Amino acid sequence: MFVVRFIVLAFLVAYSWSMGQIPPDGLNAFGKFVATLFFLAAPALYLLPTIEAWLRNHPNLGAIALT
């Protein structure tokens, strides 16, 4: 399930990035910064429960990472 969610999230991030590239001449510098920041932050937010469990040495880290 983790892989499916991660693939869906990656697709949505890539789609939002591609929609931000319209018009063809691309985004201005701030738009590129925001799109790149979202591209990096979205997977981190998705993995936040796993990161929290890892930092707190939770005994069910595997189960948290897979759900």
N, C-alpha and C. Protein backbone atom coordinates (compact mmCIF):
# COMPACT_ATOMS: atom_id res chain seq x y z
N MET A 1 0.82 -1.19 0.00
CA MET A 1 0.00 0.00 0.00
C MET A 1 0.86 1.25 0.00
N PHE A 2 1.99 1.18 0.67
CA PHE A 2 2.89 2.33 0.72
C PHE A 2 3.34 2.71 -0.68
N VAL A 3 3.71 1.72 -1.48
CA VAL A 3 4.20 1.98 -2.83
C VAL A 3 3.11 2.62 -3.67
N VAL A 4 1.89 2.14 -3.55
CA VAL A 4 0.78 2.69 -4.32
C VAL A 4 0.55 4.15 -3.94
N ARG A 5 0.50 4.43 -2.65
CA ARG A 5 0.30 5.81 -2.21
C ARG A 5 1.43 6.70 -2.66
N PHE A 6 2.65 6.21 -2.59
CA PHE A 6 3.80 7.01 -3.00
C PHE A 6 3.76 7.28 -4.50
N ILE A 7 3.37 6.30 -5.30
CA ILE A 7 3.28 6.49 -6.75
C ILE A 7 2.19 7.50 -7.08
N VAL A 8 1.05 7.40 -6.42
CA VAL A 8 -0.03 8.35 -6.66
C VAL A 8 0.41 9.76 -6.28
N LEU A 9 1.06 9.90 -5.15
CA LEU A 9 1.54 11.20 -4.73
C LEU A 9 2.57 11.75 -5.72
N ALA A 10 3.48 10.91 -6.17
CA ALA A 10 4.49 11.35 -7.15
C ALA A 10 3.82 11.79 -8.45
N PHE A 11 2.79 11.06 -8.88
CA PHE A 11 2.07 11.46 -10.09
C PHE A 11 1.40 12.81 -9.91
N LEU A 12 0.75 13.02 -8.76
CA LEU A 12 0.08 14.30 -8.53
C LEU A 12 1.07 15.45 -8.47
N VAL A 13 2.21 15.22 -7.87
CA VAL A 13 3.24 16.26 -7.80
C VAL A 13 3.75 16.57 -9.20
N ALA A 14 4.04 15.54 -9.98
CA ALA A 14 4.53 15.75 -11.34
C ALA A 14 3.47 16.46 -12.20
N TYR A 15 2.22 16.09 -12.00
CA TYR A 15 1.14 16.73 -12.76
C TYR A 15 1.03 18.20 -12.39
N SER A 16 1.08 18.51 -11.11
CA SER A 16 1.00 19.92 -10.71
C SER A 16 2.20 20.69 -11.23
N TRP A 17 3.36 20.06 -11.27
CA TRP A 17 4.54 20.71 -11.82
C TRP A 17 4.33 21.00 -13.31
N SER A 18 3.81 20.03 -14.05
CA SER A 18 3.62 20.24 -15.48
C SER A 18 2.56 21.30 -15.76
N MET A 19 1.53 21.38 -14.92
CA MET A 19 0.51 22.40 -15.12
C MET A 19 1.07 23.79 -14.82
N GLY A 20 2.05 23.85 -13.98
CA GLY A 20 2.69 25.13 -13.68
C GLY A 20 3.60 25.61 -14.79
N GLN A 21 3.88 24.75 -15.74
CA GLN A 21 4.76 25.13 -16.85
C GLN A 21 4.02 25.78 -18.00
N ILE A 22 2.71 26.00 -17.87
CA ILE A 22 1.93 26.65 -18.91
C ILE A 22 1.92 28.14 -18.60
N PRO A 23 2.26 29.03 -19.44
CA PRO A 23 2.55 29.00 -20.85
C PRO A 23 3.92 28.35 -21.15
N PRO A 24 4.15 28.05 -22.42
CA PRO A 24 5.35 27.29 -22.78
C PRO A 24 6.66 27.96 -22.39
N ASP A 25 6.67 29.25 -22.21
CA ASP A 25 7.94 29.89 -21.84
C ASP A 25 8.32 29.64 -20.39
N GLY A 26 7.47 28.98 -19.63
CA GLY A 26 7.80 28.57 -18.26
C GLY A 26 7.40 29.59 -17.22
N LEU A 27 7.74 29.27 -16.00
CA LEU A 27 7.41 30.13 -14.87
C LEU A 27 8.50 31.16 -14.63
N ASN A 28 8.15 32.18 -13.87
CA ASN A 28 9.18 33.10 -13.44
C ASN A 28 9.98 32.46 -12.30
N ALA A 29 10.97 33.14 -11.79
CA ALA A 29 11.86 32.55 -10.78
C ALA A 29 11.09 32.16 -9.52
N PHE A 30 10.16 32.99 -9.08
CA PHE A 30 9.41 32.67 -7.86
C PHE A 30 8.52 31.45 -8.09
N GLY A 31 7.88 31.37 -9.24
CA GLY A 31 7.04 30.22 -9.55
C GLY A 31 7.83 28.93 -9.57
N LYS A 32 9.02 28.96 -10.14
CA LYS A 32 9.88 27.77 -10.15
C LYS A 32 10.31 27.39 -8.74
N PHE A 33 10.58 28.39 -7.90
CA PHE A 33 10.96 28.14 -6.51
C PHE A 33 9.82 27.46 -5.76
N VAL A 34 8.61 27.97 -5.92
CA VAL A 34 7.46 27.40 -5.22
C VAL A 34 7.18 25.98 -5.72
N ALA A 35 7.24 25.77 -7.03
CA ALA A 35 6.98 24.44 -7.58
C ALA A 35 8.04 23.45 -7.11
N THR A 36 9.29 23.85 -7.08
CA THR A 36 10.36 22.97 -6.61
C THR A 36 10.20 22.67 -5.13
N LEU A 37 9.85 23.68 -4.35
CA LEU A 37 9.64 23.48 -2.93
C LEU A 37 8.50 22.49 -2.69
N PHE A 38 7.42 22.60 -3.44
CA PHE A 38 6.32 21.65 -3.29
C PHE A 38 6.76 20.25 -3.72
N PHE A 39 7.53 20.16 -4.80
CA PHE A 39 8.01 18.87 -5.30
C PHE A 39 8.86 18.16 -4.25
N LEU A 40 9.59 18.91 -3.44
CA LEU A 40 10.42 18.32 -2.39
C LEU A 40 9.64 18.12 -1.09
N ALA A 41 8.69 19.00 -0.81
CA ALA A 41 7.98 18.94 0.47
C ALA A 41 6.86 17.91 0.48
N ALA A 42 6.23 17.65 -0.64
CA ALA A 42 5.10 16.72 -0.67
C ALA A 42 5.48 15.32 -0.20
N PRO A 43 6.57 14.71 -0.72
CA PRO A 43 6.95 13.39 -0.20
C PRO A 43 7.35 13.43 1.28
N ALA A 44 7.97 14.53 1.71
CA ALA A 44 8.34 14.63 3.12
C ALA A 44 7.09 14.67 4.00
N LEU A 45 6.07 15.39 3.58
CA LEU A 45 4.83 15.42 4.34
C LEU A 45 4.14 14.07 4.33
N TYR A 46 4.23 13.37 3.21
CA TYR A 46 3.63 12.05 3.12
C TYR A 46 4.32 11.07 4.08
N LEU A 47 5.63 11.21 4.22
CA LEU A 47 6.39 10.30 5.07
C LEU A 47 6.52 10.78 6.51
N LEU A 48 5.86 11.87 6.85
CA LEU A 48 5.97 12.44 8.19
C LEU A 48 5.62 11.46 9.31
N PRO A 49 4.56 10.66 9.22
CA PRO A 49 4.29 9.69 10.29
C PRO A 49 5.43 8.68 10.46
N THR A 50 6.02 8.25 9.36
CA THR A 50 7.14 7.31 9.44
C THR A 50 8.35 7.97 10.09
N ILE A 51 8.62 9.21 9.75
CA ILE A 51 9.74 9.94 10.33
C ILE A 51 9.53 10.11 11.83
N GLU A 52 8.31 10.49 12.23
CA GLU A 52 8.01 10.65 13.66
C GLU A 52 8.18 9.33 14.41
N ALA A 53 7.70 8.24 13.83
CA ALA A 53 7.83 6.94 14.48
C ALA A 53 9.31 6.55 14.61
N TRP A 54 10.09 6.85 13.59
CA TRP A 54 11.52 6.52 13.62
C TRP A 54 12.24 7.34 14.69
N LEU A 55 11.92 8.64 14.79
CA LEU A 55 12.57 9.49 15.78
C LEU A 55 12.20 9.10 17.21
N ARG A 56 10.99 8.59 17.40
CA ARG A 56 10.54 8.20 18.74
C ARG A 56 10.79 6.73 19.04
N ASN A 57 11.48 6.04 18.13
CA ASN A 57 11.81 4.61 18.31
C ASN A 57 10.55 3.80 18.60
N HIS A 58 9.53 4.01 17.81
CA HIS A 58 8.27 3.29 17.99
C HIS A 58 8.46 1.82 17.66
N PRO A 59 7.89 0.93 18.47
CA PRO A 59 8.09 -0.51 18.22
C PRO A 59 7.41 -1.00 16.95
N ASN A 60 6.41 -0.30 16.44
CA ASN A 60 5.70 -0.73 15.24
C ASN A 60 6.07 0.14 14.03
N LEU A 61 7.33 0.47 13.90
CA LEU A 61 7.77 1.33 12.81
C LEU A 61 7.44 0.74 11.44
N GLY A 62 7.61 -0.54 11.27
CA GLY A 62 7.30 -1.17 9.99
C GLY A 62 5.85 -1.06 9.61
N ALA A 63 4.97 -1.25 10.59
CA ALA A 63 3.54 -1.15 10.33
C ALA A 63 3.14 0.28 10.00
N ILE A 64 3.75 1.24 10.65
CA ILE A 64 3.45 2.63 10.37
C ILE A 64 3.94 3.01 8.99
N ALA A 65 5.09 2.54 8.60
CA ALA A 65 5.65 2.86 7.29
C ALA A 65 4.85 2.23 6.17
N LEU A 66 4.26 1.09 6.40
CA LEU A 66 3.54 0.39 5.34
C LEU A 66 2.09 0.81 5.20
N THR A 67 1.55 1.56 6.14
CA THR A 67 0.13 1.96 6.04
C THR A 67 -0.03 3.35 5.55
